[in-house]
Amino acid sequence: MANPFQFLQQVKNEADKVVWPSRKETVITTIMVFVMASLAAVFFLGVDQLFRAVVPMVTGVGG
């Protein structure tokens, strides 16, 4: 088992290996997330509207 100093040294060494994305990569990824979330929202809106129309016809309830 490592002593606290060795542990902190190992943590620092591992943290130095982290590669952070560039600003451009971050912006592109963020835009992609918003686009995909918007597409998913539109898709589920369509599915919801379809169910809203079909379920009353099938069950004979509401309308």
PDB file of N, CA and C in Angstrom:
ATOM      1  N   MET A   1       0.847  -1.176   0.000  1.00  0.00           N
ATOM      2  CA  MET A   1       0.000   0.000   0.000  1.00  0.00           C
ATOM      3  C   MET A   1       0.891   1.237   0.000  1.00  0.00           C
ATOM      4  N   ALA A   2       0.550   2.198  -0.839  1.00  0.00           N
ATOM      5  CA  ALA A   2       1.363   3.411  -0.977  1.00  0.00           C
ATOM      6  C   ALA A   2       1.076   4.373   0.167  1.00  0.00           C
ATOM      7  N   ASN A   3       2.113   5.111   0.546  1.00  0.00           N
ATOM      8  CA  ASN A   3       1.882   6.130   1.570  1.00  0.00           C
ATOM      9  C   ASN A   3       1.190   7.333   0.917  1.00  0.00           C
ATOM     10  N   PRO A   4       0.675   8.266   1.703  1.00  0.00           N
ATOM     11  CA  PRO A   4      -0.081   9.395   1.137  1.00  0.00           C
ATOM     12  C   PRO A   4       0.711  10.206   0.100  1.00  0.00           C
ATOM     13  N   PHE A   5       2.018  10.388   0.323  1.00  0.00           N
ATOM     14  CA  PHE A   5       2.809  11.148  -0.641  1.00  0.00           C
ATOM     15  C   PHE A   5       2.882  10.425  -1.980  1.00  0.00           C
ATOM     16  N   GLN A   6       3.127   9.109  -1.938  1.00  0.00           N
ATOM     17  CA  GLN A   6       3.179   8.332  -3.181  1.00  0.00           C
ATOM     18  C   GLN A   6       1.827   8.348  -3.888  1.00  0.00           C
ATOM     19  N   PHE A   7       0.765   8.240  -3.101  1.00  0.00           N
ATOM     20  CA  PHE A   7      -0.578   8.263  -3.685  1.00  0.00           C
ATOM     21  C   PHE A   7      -0.815   9.586  -4.418  1.00  0.00           C
ATOM     22  N   LEU A   8      -0.502  10.701  -3.784  1.00  0.00           N
ATOM     23  CA  LEU A   8      -0.696  12.001  -4.426  1.00  0.00           C
ATOM     24  C   LEU A   8       0.185  12.141  -5.658  1.00  0.00           C
ATOM     25  N   GLN A   9       1.384  11.601  -5.613  1.00  0.00           N
ATOM     26  CA  GLN A   9       2.275  11.631  -6.772  1.00  0.00           C
ATOM     27  C   GLN A   9       1.672  10.828  -7.927  1.00  0.00           C
ATOM     28  N   GLN A  10       1.095   9.671  -7.621  1.00  0.00           N
ATOM     29  CA  GLN A  10       0.456   8.855  -8.644  1.00  0.00           C
ATOM     30  C   GLN A  10      -0.770   9.556  -9.233  1.00  0.00           C
ATOM     31  N   VAL A  11      -1.529  10.227  -8.375  1.00  0.00           N
ATOM     32  CA  VAL A  11      -2.695  10.977  -8.844  1.00  0.00           C
ATOM     33  C   VAL A  11      -2.249  12.081  -9.797  1.00  0.00           C
ATOM     34  N   LYS A  12      -1.189  12.793  -9.438  1.00  0.00           N
ATOM     35  CA  LYS A  12      -0.681  13.869 -10.301  1.00  0.00           C
ATOM     36  C   LYS A  12      -0.209  13.298 -11.634  1.00  0.00           C
ATOM     37  N   ASN A  13       0.490  12.173 -11.603  1.00  0.00           N
ATOM     38  CA  ASN A  13       0.971  11.549 -12.831  1.00  0.00           C
ATOM     39  C   ASN A  13      -0.191  11.140 -13.739  1.00  0.00           C
ATOM     40  N   GLU A  14      -1.252  10.596 -13.152  1.00  0.00           N
ATOM     41  CA  GLU A  14      -2.418  10.198 -13.948  1.00  0.00           C
ATOM     42  C   GLU A  14      -3.143  11.430 -14.486  1.00  0.00           C
ATOM     43  N   ALA A  15      -3.234  12.475 -13.692  1.00  0.00           N
ATOM     44  CA  ALA A  15      -3.901  13.707 -14.135  1.00  0.00           C
ATOM     45  C   ALA A  15      -3.136  14.354 -15.288  1.00  0.00           C
ATOM     46  N   ASP A  16      -1.833  14.211 -15.291  1.00  0.00           N
ATOM     47  CA  ASP A  16      -1.021  14.762 -16.392  1.00  0.00           C
ATOM     48  C   ASP A  16      -1.288  14.046 -17.715  1.00  0.00           C
ATOM     49  N   LYS A  17      -1.821  12.822 -17.659  1.00  0.00           N
ATOM     50  CA  LYS A  17      -2.102  12.055 -18.870  1.00  0.00           C
ATOM     51  C   LYS A  17      -3.421  12.465 -19.533  1.00  0.00           C
ATOM     52  N   VAL A  18      -4.245  13.235 -18.821  1.00  0.00           N
ATOM     53  CA  VAL A  18      -5.547  13.631 -19.357  1.00  0.00           C
ATOM     54  C   VAL A  18      -5.351  14.559 -20.547  1.00  0.00           C
ATOM     55  N   VAL A  19      -6.055  14.266 -21.623  1.00  0.00           N
ATOM     56  CA  VAL A  19      -6.001  15.107 -22.818  1.00  0.00           C
ATOM     57  C   VAL A  19      -7.347  15.817 -22.931  1.00  0.00           C
ATOM     58  N   TRP A  20      -7.328  17.123 -22.792  1.00  0.00           N
ATOM     59  CA  TRP A  20      -8.560  17.900 -22.845  1.00  0.00           C
ATOM     60  C   TRP A  20      -8.887  18.238 -24.283  1.00  0.00           C
ATOM     61  N   PRO A  21     -10.187  18.252 -24.637  1.00  0.00           N
ATOM     62  CA  PRO A  21     -10.551  18.602 -26.011  1.00  0.00           C
ATOM     63  C   PRO A  21     -10.277  20.079 -26.279  1.00  0.00           C
ATOM     64  N   SER A  22     -10.054  20.372 -27.548  1.00  0.00           N
ATOM     65  CA  SER A  22      -9.824  21.766 -27.917  1.00  0.00           C
ATOM     66  C   SER A  22     -11.151  22.523 -27.866  1.00  0.00           C
ATOM     67  N   ARG A  23     -11.063  23.834 -27.944  1.00  0.00           N
ATOM     68  CA  ARG A  23     -12.278  24.656 -27.939  1.00  0.00           C
ATOM     69  C   ARG A  23     -13.157  24.299 -29.132  1.00  0.00           C
ATOM     70  N   LYS A  24     -12.540  24.086 -30.292  1.00  0.00           N
ATOM     71  CA  LYS A  24     -13.289  23.743 -31.502  1.00  0.00           C
ATOM     72  C   LYS A  24     -14.028  22.412 -31.319  1.00  0.00           C
ATOM     73  N   GLU A  25     -13.340  21.411 -30.770  1.00  0.00           N
ATOM     74  CA  GLU A  25     -13.979  20.118 -30.534  1.00  0.00           C
ATOM     75  C   GLU A  25     -15.142  20.245 -29.559  1.00  0.00           C
ATOM     76  N   THR A  26     -14.976  21.063 -28.530  1.00  0.00           N
ATOM     77  CA  THR A  26     -16.026  21.261 -27.543  1.00  0.00           C
ATOM     78  C   THR A  26     -17.240  21.925 -28.161  1.00  0.00           C
ATOM     79  N   VAL A  27     -17.019  22.944 -28.988  1.00  0.00           N
ATOM     80  CA  VAL A  27     -18.125  23.649 -29.638  1.00  0.00           C
ATOM     81  C   VAL A  27     -18.862  22.710 -30.589  1.00  0.00           C
ATOM     82  N   ILE A  28     -18.124  21.968 -31.405  1.00  0.00           N
ATOM     83  CA  ILE A  28     -18.747  21.045 -32.357  1.00  0.00           C
ATOM     84  C   ILE A  28     -19.556  19.980 -31.624  1.00  0.00           C
ATOM     85  N   THR A  29     -18.992  19.420 -30.572  1.00  0.00           N
ATOM     86  CA  THR A  29     -19.692  18.393 -29.809  1.00  0.00           C
ATOM     87  C   THR A  29     -20.959  18.956 -29.167  1.00  0.00           C
ATOM     88  N   THR A  30     -20.878  20.167 -28.636  1.00  0.00           N
ATOM     89  CA  THR A  30     -22.044  20.799 -28.027  1.00  0.00           C
ATOM     90  C   THR A  30     -23.149  21.015 -29.057  1.00  0.00           C
ATOM     91  N   ILE A  31     -22.783  21.486 -30.237  1.00  0.00           N
ATOM     92  CA  ILE A  31     -23.768  21.686 -31.306  1.00  0.00           C
ATOM     93  C   ILE A  31     -24.398  20.348 -31.693  1.00  0.00           C
ATOM     94  N   MET A  32     -23.583  19.310 -31.792  1.00  0.00           N
ATOM     95  CA  MET A  32     -24.106  17.984 -32.136  1.00  0.00           C
ATOM     96  C   MET A  32     -25.107  17.495 -31.093  1.00  0.00           C
ATOM     97  N   VAL A  33     -24.821  17.743 -29.828  1.00  0.00           N
ATOM     98  CA  VAL A  33     -25.739  17.329 -28.763  1.00  0.00           C
ATOM     99  C   VAL A  33     -27.072  18.055 -28.909  1.00  0.00           C
ATOM    100  N   PHE A  34     -27.033  19.370 -29.165  1.00  0.00           N
ATOM    101  CA  PHE A  34     -28.275  20.122 -29.338  1.00  0.00           C
ATOM    102  C   PHE A  34     -29.050  19.652 -30.565  1.00  0.00           C
ATOM    103  N   VAL A  35     -28.363  19.362 -31.655  1.00  0.00           N
ATOM    104  CA  VAL A  35     -29.031  18.883 -32.870  1.00  0.00           C
ATOM    105  C   VAL A  35     -29.690  17.530 -32.605  1.00  0.00           C
ATOM    106  N   MET A  36     -28.957  16.607 -31.991  1.00  0.00           N
ATOM    107  CA  MET A  36     -29.516  15.279 -31.730  1.00  0.00           C
ATOM    108  C   MET A  36     -30.671  15.343 -30.743  1.00  0.00           C
ATOM    109  N   ALA A  37     -30.568  16.206 -29.725  1.00  0.00           N
ATOM    110  CA  ALA A  37     -31.667  16.359 -28.769  1.00  0.00           C
ATOM    111  C   ALA A  37     -32.895  16.937 -29.463  1.00  0.00           C
ATOM    112  N   SER A  38     -32.692  17.878 -30.381  1.00  0.00           N
ATOM    113  CA  SER A  38     -33.810  18.462 -31.125  1.00  0.00           C
ATOM    114  C   SER A  38     -34.469  17.422 -32.028  1.00  0.00           C
ATOM    115  N   LEU A  39     -33.648  16.619 -32.713  1.00  0.00           N
ATOM    116  CA  LEU A  39     -34.201  15.566 -33.567  1.00  0.00           C
ATOM    117  C   LEU A  39     -34.985  14.539 -32.746  1.00  0.00           C
ATOM    118  N   ALA A  40     -34.467  14.180 -31.603  1.00  0.00           N
ATOM    119  CA  ALA A  40     -35.168  13.234 -30.738  1.00  0.00           C
ATOM    120  C   ALA A  40     -36.487  13.836 -30.252  1.00  0.00           C
ATOM    121  N   ALA A  41     -36.476  15.114 -29.907  1.00  0.00           N
ATOM    122  CA  ALA A  41     -37.701  15.775 -29.446  1.00  0.00           C
ATOM    123  C   ALA A  41     -38.757  15.794 -30.546  1.00  0.00           C
ATOM    124  N   VAL A  42     -38.349  16.105 -31.769  1.00  0.00           N
ATOM    125  CA  VAL A  42     -39.292  16.122 -32.892  1.00  0.00           C
ATOM    126  C   VAL A  42     -39.821  14.714 -33.160  1.00  0.00           C
ATOM    127  N   PHE A  43     -38.952  13.712 -33.118  1.00  0.00           N
ATOM    128  CA  PHE A  43     -39.374  12.334 -33.325  1.00  0.00           C
ATOM    129  C   PHE A  43     -40.415  11.922 -32.289  1.00  0.00           C
ATOM    130  N   PHE A  44     -40.123  12.160 -31.011  1.00  0.00           N
ATOM    131  CA  PHE A  44     -41.050  11.744 -29.970  1.00  0.00           C
ATOM    132  C   PHE A  44     -42.339  12.572 -29.973  1.00  0.00           C
ATOM    133  N   LEU A  45     -42.267  13.802 -30.437  1.00  0.00           N
ATOM    134  CA  LEU A  45     -43.489  14.590 -30.614  1.00  0.00           C
ATOM    135  C   LEU A  45     -44.371  13.915 -31.671  1.00  0.00           C
ATOM    136  N   GLY A  46     -43.762  13.494 -32.767  1.00  0.00           N
ATOM    137  CA  GLY A  46     -44.517  12.804 -33.811  1.00  0.00           C
ATOM    138  C   GLY A  46     -45.126  11.501 -33.323  1.00  0.00           C
ATOM    139  N   VAL A  47     -44.348  10.710 -32.600  1.00  0.00           N
ATOM    140  CA  VAL A  47     -44.853   9.447 -32.063  1.00  0.00           C
ATOM    141  C   VAL A  47     -45.996   9.721 -31.089  1.00  0.00           C
ATOM    142  N   ASP A  48     -45.862  10.729 -30.255  1.00  0.00           N
ATOM    143  CA  ASP A  48     -46.901  11.077 -29.297  1.00  0.00           C
ATOM    144  C   ASP A  48     -48.185  11.505 -30.011  1.00  0.00           C
ATOM    145  N   GLN A  49     -48.046  12.304 -31.046  1.00  0.00           N
ATOM    146  CA  GLN A  49     -49.226  12.743 -31.792  1.00  0.00           C
ATOM    147  C   GLN A  49     -49.895  11.561 -32.494  1.00  0.00           C
ATOM    148  N   LEU A  50     -49.089  10.636 -33.005  1.00  0.00           N
ATOM    149  CA  LEU A  50     -49.637   9.442 -33.636  1.00  0.00           C
ATOM    150  C   LEU A  50     -50.429   8.620 -32.620  1.00  0.00           C
ATOM    151  N   PHE A  51     -49.836   8.388 -31.447  1.00  0.00           N
ATOM    152  CA  PHE A  51     -50.552   7.643 -30.404  1.00  0.00           C
ATOM    153  C   PHE A  51     -51.816   8.376 -29.971  1.00  0.00           C
ATOM    154  N   ARG A  52     -51.726   9.683 -29.909  1.00  0.00           N
ATOM    155  CA  ARG A  52     -52.877  10.496 -29.490  1.00  0.00           C
ATOM    156  C   ARG A  52     -54.043  10.323 -30.458  1.00  0.00           C
ATOM    157  N   ALA A  53     -53.750  10.109 -31.741  1.00  0.00           N
ATOM    158  CA  ALA A  53     -54.795   9.929 -32.736  1.00  0.00           C
ATOM    159  C   ALA A  53     -55.276   8.476 -32.812  1.00  0.00           C
ATOM    160  N   VAL A  54     -54.348   7.527 -32.651  1.00  0.00           N
ATOM    161  CA  VAL A  54     -54.687   6.117 -32.864  1.00  0.00           C
ATOM    162  C   VAL A  54     -55.360   5.483 -31.644  1.00  0.00           C
ATOM    163  N   VAL A  55     -54.906   5.789 -30.450  1.00  0.00           N
ATOM    164  CA  VAL A  55     -55.418   5.120 -29.242  1.00  0.00           C
ATOM    165  C   VAL A  55     -56.918   5.336 -29.075  1.00  0.00           C
ATOM    166  N   PRO A  56     -57.453   6.552 -29.231  1.00  0.00           N
ATOM    167  CA  PRO A  56     -58.926   6.683 -29.096  1.00  0.00           C
ATOM    168  C   PRO A  56     -59.702   5.898 -30.158  1.00  0.00           C
ATOM    169  N   MET A  57     -59.137   5.794 -31.366  1.00  0.00           N
ATOM    170  CA  MET A  57     -59.833   5.018 -32.393  1.00  0.00           C
ATOM    171  C   MET A  57     -59.860   3.528 -32.043  1.00  0.00           C
ATOM    172  N   VAL A  58     -58.778   3.038 -31.487  1.00  0.00           N
ATOM    173  CA  VAL A  58     -58.670   1.621 -31.145  1.00  0.00           C
ATOM    174  C   VAL A  58     -59.527   1.280 -29.926  1.00  0.00           C
ATOM    175  N   THR A  59     -59.462   2.158 -28.906  1.00  0.00           N
ATOM    176  CA  THR A  59     -60.166   1.854 -27.661  1.00  0.00           C
ATOM    177  C   THR A  59     -61.619   2.333 -27.670  1.00  0.00           C
ATOM    178  N   GLY A  60     -61.938   3.261 -28.556  1.00  0.00           N
ATOM    179  CA  GLY A  60     -63.296   3.815 -28.591  1.00  0.00           C
ATOM    180  C   GLY A  60     -63.570   4.781 -27.448  1.00  0.00           C
ATOM    181  N   VAL A  61     -62.518   5.211 -26.770  1.00  0.00           N
ATOM    182  CA  VAL A  61     -62.655   6.140 -25.637  1.00  0.00           C
ATOM    183  C   VAL A  61     -62.125   7.500 -26.063  1.00  0.00           C
ATOM    184  N   GLY A  62     -62.811   8.564 -25.686  1.00  0.00           N
ATOM    185  CA  GLY A  62     -62.322   9.922 -26.009  1.00  0.00           C
ATOM    186  C   GLY A  62     -62.563  10.227 -27.466  1.00  0.00           C
ATOM    187  N   GLY A  63     -61.826  11.183 -27.936  1.00  0.00           N
ATOM    188  CA  GLY A  63     -62.025  11.465 -29.344  1.00  0.00           C
ATOM    189  C   GLY A  63     -61.669  12.833 -29.641  1.00  0.00           C
TER     190      GLY A  63
END
